């Protein structure tokens, strides 16, 4: 690049920065933000994966937080201060990109179109294995789920998956 002018190097740097920023923004939904409130981890991750807030649109988070007294068959009620803190954080980091623009049925991440598409080759029996229990137990296959890491290269095959079912991990 020694033959490049200062203007050309600057333009290339700007284009790279824009490209990296767009990539980071597009992937933001899967990543766990750095400013996770302790209450979110304490309250939400005590029962299920503490999902990165970008995995659902703001309206879904709003409905979920408004209905914690009947949270998928459980009473997950919170005191007003904790509810406000977690709700504000979820709204600030809710998904806005195309993949989560649609509100999934019952506001369930596991029923969203993108989740269904990514897991379409998983045998339904795998979700019922003792080592998995439910599609909402992301860490059964994604060891970095608690940090918002769902990279296909880091998948782990849970105990009890037979050779036929294992093929879904090789695709």
N, C-alpha and C. Protein backbone atom coordinates (compact mmCIF):
# COMPACT_ATOMS: atom_id res chain seq x y z
N UNK A 1 0.82 -1.19 0.00
CA UNK A 1 0.00 0.00 0.00
C UNK A 1 0.86 1.26 0.00
N UNK A 2 2.18 1.08 -0.15
CA UNK A 2 3.03 2.26 -0.09
C UNK A 2 2.77 3.22 -1.25
N UNK A 3 2.27 2.71 -2.38
CA UNK A 3 1.99 3.57 -3.52
C UNK A 3 0.63 4.26 -3.42
N UNK A 4 -0.12 3.95 -2.42
CA UNK A 4 -1.46 4.53 -2.25
C UNK A 4 -1.35 5.93 -1.67
N UNK A 5 -2.23 6.77 -2.08
CA UNK A 5 -2.27 8.11 -1.52
C UNK A 5 -2.91 8.07 -0.14
N UNK A 6 -2.71 9.11 0.61
CA UNK A 6 -3.31 9.23 1.93
C UNK A 6 -4.84 9.15 1.82
N UNK A 7 -5.41 9.75 0.79
CA UNK A 7 -6.86 9.73 0.58
C UNK A 7 -7.34 8.31 0.31
N UNK A 8 -6.60 7.56 -0.54
CA UNK A 8 -7.00 6.19 -0.84
C UNK A 8 -6.92 5.30 0.40
N UNK A 9 -5.88 5.45 1.20
CA UNK A 9 -5.75 4.67 2.43
C UNK A 9 -6.87 5.03 3.41
N UNK A 10 -7.19 6.31 3.49
CA UNK A 10 -8.28 6.75 4.37
C UNK A 10 -9.62 6.20 3.93
N UNK A 11 -9.86 6.21 2.61
CA UNK A 11 -11.13 5.68 2.08
C UNK A 11 -11.23 4.18 2.35
N UNK A 12 -10.12 3.46 2.14
CA UNK A 12 -10.12 2.03 2.41
C UNK A 12 -10.38 1.76 3.89
N UNK A 13 -9.77 2.53 4.76
CA UNK A 13 -9.99 2.37 6.20
C UNK A 13 -11.44 2.62 6.57
N UNK A 14 -12.03 3.65 5.98
CA UNK A 14 -13.44 3.96 6.26
C UNK A 14 -14.35 2.83 5.79
N UNK A 15 -14.07 2.30 4.59
CA UNK A 15 -14.89 1.18 4.08
C UNK A 15 -14.76 -0.05 4.97
N UNK A 16 -13.56 -0.34 5.42
CA UNK A 16 -13.37 -1.49 6.31
C UNK A 16 -14.11 -1.28 7.62
N UNK A 17 -14.05 -0.08 8.16
CA UNK A 17 -14.74 0.22 9.42
C UNK A 17 -16.25 0.07 9.25
N UNK A 18 -16.78 0.54 8.13
CA UNK A 18 -18.21 0.40 7.88
C UNK A 18 -18.57 -1.07 7.75
N UNK A 19 -17.77 -1.81 7.04
CA UNK A 19 -18.04 -3.25 6.86
C UNK A 19 -17.99 -4.00 8.18
N UNK A 20 -16.99 -3.71 9.00
CA UNK A 20 -16.89 -4.37 10.30
C UNK A 20 -18.04 -3.98 11.20
N UNK A 21 -18.43 -2.72 11.15
CA UNK A 21 -19.54 -2.25 11.96
C UNK A 21 -20.84 -2.92 11.53
N UNK A 22 -21.06 -3.05 10.23
CA UNK A 22 -22.28 -3.70 9.73
C UNK A 22 -22.29 -5.17 10.13
N UNK A 23 -21.13 -5.83 10.05
CA UNK A 23 -21.06 -7.23 10.46
C UNK A 23 -21.36 -7.36 11.93
N UNK A 24 -20.77 -6.51 12.74
CA UNK A 24 -21.01 -6.56 14.19
C UNK A 24 -22.48 -6.29 14.49
N UNK A 25 -23.08 -5.34 13.79
CA UNK A 25 -24.49 -5.02 14.02
C UNK A 25 -25.38 -6.18 13.61
N UNK A 26 -25.07 -6.81 12.47
CA UNK A 26 -25.89 -7.93 12.00
C UNK A 26 -25.82 -9.10 12.97
N UNK A 27 -24.68 -9.27 13.63
CA UNK A 27 -24.49 -10.39 14.54
C UNK A 27 -24.86 -10.02 15.97
N UNK A 28 -25.15 -8.77 16.21
CA UNK A 28 -25.41 -8.27 17.56
C UNK A 28 -26.49 -9.06 18.29
N UNK A 29 -27.49 -9.51 17.59
CA UNK A 29 -28.60 -10.18 18.22
C UNK A 29 -28.24 -11.46 18.94
N UNK A 30 -27.26 -12.17 18.42
CA UNK A 30 -26.87 -13.42 19.06
C UNK A 30 -25.92 -13.19 20.22
N UNK A 31 -25.22 -12.08 20.20
CA UNK A 31 -24.22 -11.83 21.22
C UNK A 31 -24.85 -11.26 22.49
N UNK A 32 -24.30 -11.65 23.60
CA UNK A 32 -24.76 -11.10 24.87
C UNK A 32 -24.09 -9.74 25.05
N UNK A 33 -24.86 -8.69 25.28
CA UNK A 33 -24.26 -7.37 25.52
C UNK A 33 -23.33 -7.42 26.73
N UNK A 34 -22.42 -6.48 26.79
CA UNK A 34 -21.45 -6.45 27.88
C UNK A 34 -22.06 -5.98 29.19
N UNK A 35 -23.14 -5.22 29.12
CA UNK A 35 -23.72 -4.60 30.32
C UNK A 35 -24.87 -5.42 30.91
N UNK A 36 -24.70 -6.72 31.02
CA UNK A 36 -25.77 -7.58 31.54
C UNK A 36 -26.02 -7.28 33.01
N UNK A 37 -27.25 -6.91 33.35
CA UNK A 37 -27.55 -6.66 34.76
C UNK A 37 -27.45 -7.97 35.56
N UNK A 38 -26.89 -7.88 36.75
CA UNK A 38 -26.77 -9.07 37.60
C UNK A 38 -28.14 -9.70 37.83
N UNK A 39 -29.17 -8.87 37.93
CA UNK A 39 -30.53 -9.38 38.16
C UNK A 39 -31.00 -10.27 37.01
N UNK A 40 -30.59 -9.95 35.78
CA UNK A 40 -30.99 -10.76 34.62
C UNK A 40 -30.41 -12.16 34.75
N UNK A 41 -29.14 -12.22 35.06
CA UNK A 41 -28.48 -13.52 35.22
C UNK A 41 -29.08 -14.27 36.41
N UNK A 42 -29.23 -13.59 37.52
CA UNK A 42 -29.76 -14.22 38.73
C UNK A 42 -31.18 -14.73 38.54
N UNK A 43 -32.05 -13.90 38.00
CA UNK A 43 -33.46 -14.25 37.90
C UNK A 43 -33.78 -15.14 36.70
N UNK A 44 -33.31 -14.75 35.53
CA UNK A 44 -33.70 -15.45 34.30
C UNK A 44 -32.89 -16.72 34.06
N UNK A 45 -31.60 -16.66 34.31
CA UNK A 45 -30.76 -17.82 34.05
C UNK A 45 -30.90 -18.90 35.12
N UNK A 46 -31.66 -18.63 36.17
CA UNK A 46 -31.85 -19.66 37.19
C UNK A 46 -32.77 -20.78 36.68
N UNK A 47 -33.57 -20.49 35.65
CA UNK A 47 -34.51 -21.50 35.13
C UNK A 47 -34.21 -21.93 33.70
N UNK A 48 -33.62 -21.06 32.91
CA UNK A 48 -33.35 -21.37 31.51
C UNK A 48 -32.16 -20.53 31.03
N UNK A 49 -31.77 -20.73 29.81
CA UNK A 49 -30.68 -19.94 29.24
C UNK A 49 -31.04 -18.47 29.34
N UNK A 50 -30.11 -17.67 29.77
CA UNK A 50 -30.31 -16.22 29.78
C UNK A 50 -30.05 -15.76 28.35
N UNK A 51 -31.12 -15.70 27.58
CA UNK A 51 -31.01 -15.41 26.16
C UNK A 51 -30.48 -14.01 25.90
N UNK A 52 -29.64 -13.86 24.89
CA UNK A 52 -29.27 -12.50 24.47
C UNK A 52 -30.54 -11.76 24.06
N UNK A 53 -30.73 -10.55 24.52
CA UNK A 53 -31.98 -9.84 24.24
C UNK A 53 -32.24 -9.58 22.77
N UNK A 54 -31.21 -9.59 21.95
CA UNK A 54 -31.38 -9.38 20.52
C UNK A 54 -32.05 -10.53 19.80
N UNK A 55 -32.33 -11.62 20.51
CA UNK A 55 -32.98 -12.76 19.89
C UNK A 55 -34.49 -12.59 19.76
N UNK A 56 -35.04 -11.56 20.38
CA UNK A 56 -36.47 -11.27 20.27
C UNK A 56 -36.66 -9.77 20.02
N UNK A 57 -37.73 -9.42 19.34
CA UNK A 57 -38.03 -7.99 19.16
C UNK A 57 -38.54 -7.38 20.46
N UNK A 58 -38.49 -6.07 20.55
CA UNK A 58 -38.89 -5.35 21.76
C UNK A 58 -40.31 -5.70 22.20
N UNK A 59 -41.23 -5.80 21.27
CA UNK A 59 -42.63 -6.09 21.62
C UNK A 59 -42.75 -7.45 22.31
N UNK A 60 -41.99 -8.43 21.88
CA UNK A 60 -42.03 -9.75 22.53
C UNK A 60 -41.51 -9.66 23.96
N UNK A 61 -40.40 -8.94 24.16
CA UNK A 61 -39.86 -8.78 25.52
C UNK A 61 -40.86 -8.05 26.40
N UNK A 62 -41.53 -7.07 25.83
CA UNK A 62 -42.52 -6.31 26.58
C UNK A 62 -43.64 -7.22 27.08
N UNK A 63 -44.16 -8.06 26.21
CA UNK A 63 -45.22 -8.99 26.61
C UNK A 63 -44.73 -10.02 27.62
N UNK A 64 -43.52 -10.54 27.41
CA UNK A 64 -42.97 -11.52 28.35
C UNK A 64 -42.83 -10.93 29.75
N UNK A 65 -42.29 -9.73 29.82
CA UNK A 65 -42.07 -9.11 31.13
C UNK A 65 -43.39 -8.72 31.79
N UNK A 66 -44.40 -8.41 31.00
CA UNK A 66 -45.71 -8.05 31.56
C UNK A 66 -46.47 -9.27 32.06
N UNK A 67 -46.07 -10.44 31.63
CA UNK A 67 -46.78 -11.65 32.03
C UNK A 67 -45.96 -12.63 32.85
N UNK A 68 -45.03 -12.13 33.64
CA UNK A 68 -44.17 -13.02 34.43
C UNK A 68 -44.93 -13.85 35.46
N UNK A 69 -46.11 -13.41 35.85
CA UNK A 69 -46.89 -14.19 36.81
C UNK A 69 -47.43 -15.48 36.17
N UNK A 70 -47.38 -15.55 34.87
CA UNK A 70 -47.81 -16.76 34.14
C UNK A 70 -46.80 -17.06 33.02
N UNK A 71 -45.54 -17.09 33.37
CA UNK A 71 -44.43 -17.25 32.44
C UNK A 71 -44.31 -18.72 32.01
N UNK A 72 -44.98 -19.06 30.93
CA UNK A 72 -44.97 -20.42 30.39
C UNK A 72 -45.28 -21.47 31.45
N UNK A 73 -46.29 -21.19 32.24
CA UNK A 73 -46.75 -22.14 33.25
C UNK A 73 -46.12 -21.96 34.62
N UNK A 74 -45.26 -20.99 34.78
CA UNK A 74 -44.61 -20.74 36.07
C UNK A 74 -44.86 -19.29 36.50
N UNK A 75 -44.77 -19.09 37.80
CA UNK A 75 -44.86 -17.73 38.32
C UNK A 75 -43.43 -17.22 38.49
N UNK A 76 -43.01 -16.34 37.60
CA UNK A 76 -41.65 -15.79 37.64
C UNK A 76 -41.69 -14.31 38.03
N UNK A 77 -42.68 -13.94 38.82
CA UNK A 77 -42.86 -12.54 39.21
C UNK A 77 -41.61 -11.97 39.86
N UNK A 78 -41.41 -10.68 39.64
CA UNK A 78 -40.27 -9.95 40.19
C UNK A 78 -40.76 -8.72 40.94
N UNK A 79 -39.94 -8.21 41.85
CA UNK A 79 -40.31 -6.95 42.50
C UNK A 79 -40.23 -5.84 41.46
N UNK A 80 -40.90 -4.73 41.72
CA UNK A 80 -41.04 -3.65 40.75
C UNK A 80 -39.69 -3.09 40.27
N UNK A 81 -38.75 -2.93 41.18
CA UNK A 81 -37.46 -2.36 40.82
C UNK A 81 -36.69 -3.30 39.87
N UNK A 82 -36.66 -4.58 40.20
CA UNK A 82 -35.96 -5.56 39.37
C UNK A 82 -36.65 -5.68 38.01
N UNK A 83 -37.97 -5.70 38.02
CA UNK A 83 -38.74 -5.79 36.78
C UNK A 83 -38.41 -4.61 35.87
N UNK A 84 -38.37 -3.42 36.43
CA UNK A 84 -38.08 -2.23 35.64
C UNK A 84 -36.66 -2.27 35.09
N UNK A 85 -35.70 -2.69 35.91
CA UNK A 85 -34.30 -2.74 35.49
C UNK A 85 -34.11 -3.72 34.34
N UNK A 86 -34.64 -4.93 34.49
CA UNK A 86 -34.48 -5.94 33.45
C UNK A 86 -35.24 -5.55 32.19
N UNK A 87 -36.46 -5.05 32.35
CA UNK A 87 -37.27 -4.64 31.20
C UNK A 87 -36.57 -3.55 30.39
N UNK A 88 -36.03 -2.55 31.06
CA UNK A 88 -35.35 -1.46 30.36
C UNK A 88 -34.14 -1.98 29.59
N UNK A 89 -33.39 -2.89 30.20
CA UNK A 89 -32.22 -3.46 29.55
C UNK A 89 -32.62 -4.29 28.33
N UNK A 90 -33.67 -5.11 28.46
CA UNK A 90 -34.14 -5.92 27.33
C UNK A 90 -34.60 -5.03 26.18
N UNK A 91 -35.32 -3.97 26.51
CA UNK A 91 -35.80 -3.04 25.47
C UNK A 91 -34.62 -2.36 24.77
N UNK A 92 -33.62 -1.97 25.53
CA UNK A 92 -32.46 -1.27 24.95
C UNK A 92 -31.66 -2.17 24.01
N UNK A 93 -31.71 -3.47 24.24
CA UNK A 93 -30.90 -4.41 23.44
C UNK A 93 -31.75 -5.37 22.60
N UNK A 94 -33.03 -5.12 22.49
CA UNK A 94 -33.92 -6.01 21.73
C UNK A 94 -33.50 -6.08 20.26
N UNK A 95 -33.85 -7.18 19.62
CA UNK A 95 -33.51 -7.37 18.22
C UNK A 95 -34.29 -6.43 17.31
N UNK A 96 -33.58 -5.85 16.38
CA UNK A 96 -34.20 -4.94 15.42
C UNK A 96 -33.89 -5.36 13.99
N UNK A 97 -33.07 -6.34 13.80
CA UNK A 97 -32.67 -6.74 12.47
C UNK A 97 -33.67 -7.74 11.88
N UNK A 98 -33.54 -7.99 10.61
CA UNK A 98 -34.53 -8.76 9.86
C UNK A 98 -34.86 -10.11 10.50
N UNK A 99 -33.87 -10.82 11.00
CA UNK A 99 -34.08 -12.17 11.51
C UNK A 99 -35.08 -12.22 12.65
N UNK A 100 -35.14 -11.19 13.44
CA UNK A 100 -36.08 -11.20 14.56
C UNK A 100 -37.20 -10.19 14.42
N UNK A 101 -37.36 -9.66 13.24
CA UNK A 101 -38.42 -8.66 13.03
C UNK A 101 -39.80 -9.24 13.29
N UNK A 102 -39.98 -10.51 12.96
CA UNK A 102 -41.28 -11.15 13.23
C UNK A 102 -41.34 -11.56 14.69
N UNK A 103 -42.52 -11.46 15.25
CA UNK A 103 -42.70 -11.89 16.63
C UNK A 103 -43.09 -13.37 16.60
N UNK A 104 -42.27 -14.22 17.19
CA UNK A 104 -42.55 -15.66 17.10
C UNK A 104 -43.81 -16.05 17.88
N UNK A 105 -44.42 -17.16 17.51
CA UNK A 105 -45.59 -17.64 18.24
C UNK A 105 -45.29 -17.73 19.74
N UNK A 106 -46.20 -17.22 20.54
CA UNK A 106 -46.11 -17.22 22.00
C UNK A 106 -44.83 -16.54 22.51
N UNK A 107 -44.21 -15.72 21.65
CA UNK A 107 -42.96 -15.03 22.00
C UNK A 107 -41.86 -16.00 22.41
N UNK A 108 -41.89 -17.20 21.85
CA UNK A 108 -40.89 -18.22 22.17
C UNK A 108 -39.78 -18.20 21.12
N UNK A 109 -38.56 -18.01 21.56
CA UNK A 109 -37.41 -18.03 20.66
C UNK A 109 -37.38 -19.36 19.91
N UNK A 110 -37.68 -20.44 20.58
CA UNK A 110 -37.62 -21.77 19.95
C UNK A 110 -38.71 -21.98 18.91
N UNK A 111 -39.67 -21.08 18.82
CA UNK A 111 -40.71 -21.19 17.78
C UNK A 111 -40.53 -20.16 16.66
N UNK A 112 -39.46 -19.38 16.77
CA UNK A 112 -39.21 -18.37 15.73
C UNK A 112 -38.79 -19.06 14.44
N UNK A 113 -39.05 -18.40 13.33
CA UNK A 113 -38.73 -18.97 12.02
C UNK A 113 -37.24 -19.26 11.89
N UNK A 114 -36.39 -18.34 12.37
CA UNK A 114 -34.95 -18.55 12.24
C UNK A 114 -34.48 -19.73 13.10
N UNK A 115 -35.04 -19.89 14.30
CA UNK A 115 -34.66 -21.02 15.16
C UNK A 115 -35.08 -22.33 14.51
N UNK A 116 -36.30 -22.37 14.02
CA UNK A 116 -36.81 -23.58 13.37
C UNK A 116 -35.95 -23.93 12.15
N UNK A 117 -35.57 -22.94 11.37
CA UNK A 117 -34.75 -23.18 10.18
C UNK A 117 -33.37 -23.72 10.58
N UNK A 118 -32.76 -23.13 11.61
CA UNK A 118 -31.42 -23.56 12.04
C UNK A 118 -31.42 -24.97 12.63
N UNK A 119 -32.55 -25.39 13.20
CA UNK A 119 -32.61 -26.68 13.88
C UNK A 119 -33.49 -27.70 13.16
N UNK A 120 -33.79 -27.45 11.91
CA UNK A 120 -34.73 -28.30 11.17
C UNK A 120 -34.28 -29.75 11.03
N UNK A 121 -32.98 -30.02 11.09
CA UNK A 121 -32.49 -31.39 10.92
C UNK A 121 -32.36 -32.15 12.24
N UNK A 122 -32.65 -31.49 13.34
CA UNK A 122 -32.57 -32.15 14.65
C UNK A 122 -33.80 -33.03 14.83
N UNK A 123 -33.56 -34.29 15.09
CA UNK A 123 -34.64 -35.24 15.34
C UNK A 123 -35.42 -34.78 16.57
N UNK A 124 -36.75 -34.71 16.50
CA UNK A 124 -37.55 -34.27 17.65
C UNK A 124 -37.27 -35.05 18.94
N UNK A 125 -36.84 -36.29 18.82
CA UNK A 125 -36.52 -37.09 20.00
C UNK A 125 -35.32 -36.53 20.77
N UNK A 126 -34.44 -35.82 20.09
CA UNK A 126 -33.26 -35.26 20.75
C UNK A 126 -33.68 -34.24 21.82
N UNK A 127 -34.73 -33.46 21.54
CA UNK A 127 -35.17 -32.45 22.50
C UNK A 127 -35.65 -33.09 23.80
N UNK A 128 -36.04 -34.35 23.75
CA UNK A 128 -36.57 -35.02 24.95
C UNK A 128 -35.53 -35.84 25.71
N UNK A 129 -34.29 -35.90 25.22
CA UNK A 129 -33.24 -36.63 25.91
C UNK A 129 -33.00 -36.04 27.30
N UNK A 130 -32.60 -36.86 28.25
CA UNK A 130 -32.29 -36.37 29.60
C UNK A 130 -31.19 -35.31 29.58
N UNK A 131 -30.27 -35.41 28.63
CA UNK A 131 -29.17 -34.45 28.56
C UNK A 131 -29.59 -33.13 27.90
N UNK A 132 -30.78 -33.09 27.31
CA UNK A 132 -31.26 -31.89 26.62
C UNK A 132 -32.52 -31.35 27.28
N UNK A 133 -33.53 -32.19 27.41
CA UNK A 133 -34.82 -31.90 28.05
C UNK A 133 -35.76 -31.00 27.24
N UNK A 134 -35.23 -29.96 26.60
CA UNK A 134 -36.07 -29.02 25.88
C UNK A 134 -35.24 -28.23 24.87
N UNK A 135 -35.88 -27.72 23.84
CA UNK A 135 -35.18 -26.89 22.86
C UNK A 135 -34.67 -25.60 23.49
N UNK A 136 -35.24 -25.21 24.61
CA UNK A 136 -34.83 -23.99 25.29
C UNK A 136 -33.52 -24.16 26.09
N UNK A 137 -33.04 -25.38 26.19
CA UNK A 137 -31.79 -25.63 26.92
C UNK A 137 -30.62 -25.57 25.93
N UNK A 138 -30.32 -24.38 25.48
CA UNK A 138 -29.31 -24.15 24.44
C UNK A 138 -27.94 -24.73 24.80
N UNK A 139 -27.58 -24.62 26.08
CA UNK A 139 -26.26 -25.06 26.51
C UNK A 139 -26.03 -26.55 26.35
N UNK A 140 -27.08 -27.33 26.12
CA UNK A 140 -26.90 -28.76 25.89
C UNK A 140 -26.04 -29.00 24.65
N UNK A 141 -26.14 -28.13 23.67
CA UNK A 141 -25.38 -28.27 22.43
C UNK A 141 -24.43 -27.11 22.18
N UNK A 142 -24.75 -25.95 22.74
CA UNK A 142 -23.95 -24.74 22.55
C UNK A 142 -23.29 -24.37 23.88
N UNK A 143 -22.04 -24.83 24.11
CA UNK A 143 -21.40 -24.57 25.41
C UNK A 143 -21.21 -23.09 25.72
N UNK A 144 -21.23 -22.22 24.73
CA UNK A 144 -21.07 -20.79 24.98
C UNK A 144 -22.39 -20.03 25.02
N UNK A 145 -23.51 -20.73 25.14
CA UNK A 145 -24.83 -20.09 25.10
C UNK A 145 -24.99 -19.01 26.17
N UNK A 146 -24.43 -19.22 27.34
CA UNK A 146 -24.57 -18.22 28.41
C UNK A 146 -23.85 -16.92 28.09
N UNK A 147 -22.96 -16.96 27.10
CA UNK A 147 -22.25 -15.75 26.66
C UNK A 147 -22.75 -15.29 25.29
N UNK A 148 -23.82 -15.91 24.81
CA UNK A 148 -24.38 -15.54 23.51
C UNK A 148 -23.58 -16.09 22.35
N UNK A 149 -22.89 -17.18 22.57
CA UNK A 149 -22.08 -17.81 21.51
C UNK A 149 -22.77 -19.06 21.02
N UNK A 150 -23.22 -19.00 19.78
CA UNK A 150 -23.97 -20.11 19.19
C UNK A 150 -23.32 -20.57 17.89
N UNK A 151 -22.02 -20.42 17.78
CA UNK A 151 -21.29 -20.75 16.56
C UNK A 151 -21.39 -22.24 16.25
N UNK A 152 -21.69 -22.54 15.00
CA UNK A 152 -21.81 -23.93 14.57
C UNK A 152 -20.51 -24.71 14.76
N UNK A 153 -19.37 -24.03 14.73
CA UNK A 153 -18.08 -24.70 14.90
C UNK A 153 -17.84 -25.17 16.33
N UNK A 154 -18.62 -24.67 17.29
CA UNK A 154 -18.43 -25.01 18.69
C UNK A 154 -19.52 -25.94 19.23
N UNK A 155 -20.23 -26.60 18.34
CA UNK A 155 -21.31 -27.47 18.79
C UNK A 155 -20.80 -28.68 19.54
N UNK A 156 -21.59 -29.11 20.51
CA UNK A 156 -21.29 -30.31 21.29
C UNK A 156 -22.50 -31.24 21.11
N UNK A 157 -22.22 -32.51 20.86
CA UNK A 157 -23.30 -33.49 20.72
C UNK A 157 -23.67 -33.97 22.13
N UNK A 158 -24.92 -33.78 22.53
CA UNK A 158 -25.31 -34.18 23.88
C UNK A 158 -25.33 -35.70 24.05
N UNK A 159 -25.19 -36.13 25.30
CA UNK A 159 -25.22 -37.56 25.62
C UNK A 159 -26.56 -38.16 25.19
N UNK A 160 -26.49 -39.36 24.66
CA UNK A 160 -27.71 -40.07 24.29
C UNK A 160 -28.10 -39.95 22.83
N UNK A 161 -27.40 -39.11 22.07
CA UNK A 161 -27.71 -38.95 20.66
C UNK A 161 -27.15 -40.16 19.92
N UNK A 162 -28.01 -40.85 19.17
CA UNK A 162 -27.55 -42.05 18.46
C UNK A 162 -26.89 -41.66 17.13
N UNK A 163 -26.21 -42.61 16.48
CA UNK A 163 -25.48 -42.29 15.23
C UNK A 163 -26.36 -41.67 14.14
N UNK A 164 -27.59 -42.12 14.02
CA UNK A 164 -28.49 -41.56 13.00
C UNK A 164 -28.79 -40.10 13.32
N UNK A 165 -29.09 -39.81 14.57
CA UNK A 165 -29.39 -38.44 14.99
C UNK A 165 -28.16 -37.53 14.92
N UNK A 166 -26.99 -38.12 15.09
CA UNK A 166 -25.72 -37.37 15.11
C UNK A 166 -25.43 -36.70 13.76
N UNK A 167 -26.01 -37.22 12.69
CA UNK A 167 -25.76 -36.66 11.35
C UNK A 167 -26.13 -35.17 11.29
N UNK A 168 -27.11 -34.74 12.04
CA UNK A 168 -27.51 -33.33 12.02
C UNK A 168 -26.37 -32.42 12.47
N UNK A 169 -25.45 -32.92 13.28
CA UNK A 169 -24.33 -32.11 13.76
C UNK A 169 -23.23 -32.03 12.72
N UNK A 170 -23.26 -32.91 11.72
CA UNK A 170 -22.21 -32.94 10.71
C UNK A 170 -22.54 -32.10 9.48
N UNK A 171 -23.74 -31.52 9.42
CA UNK A 171 -24.13 -30.75 8.24
C UNK A 171 -23.63 -29.32 8.32
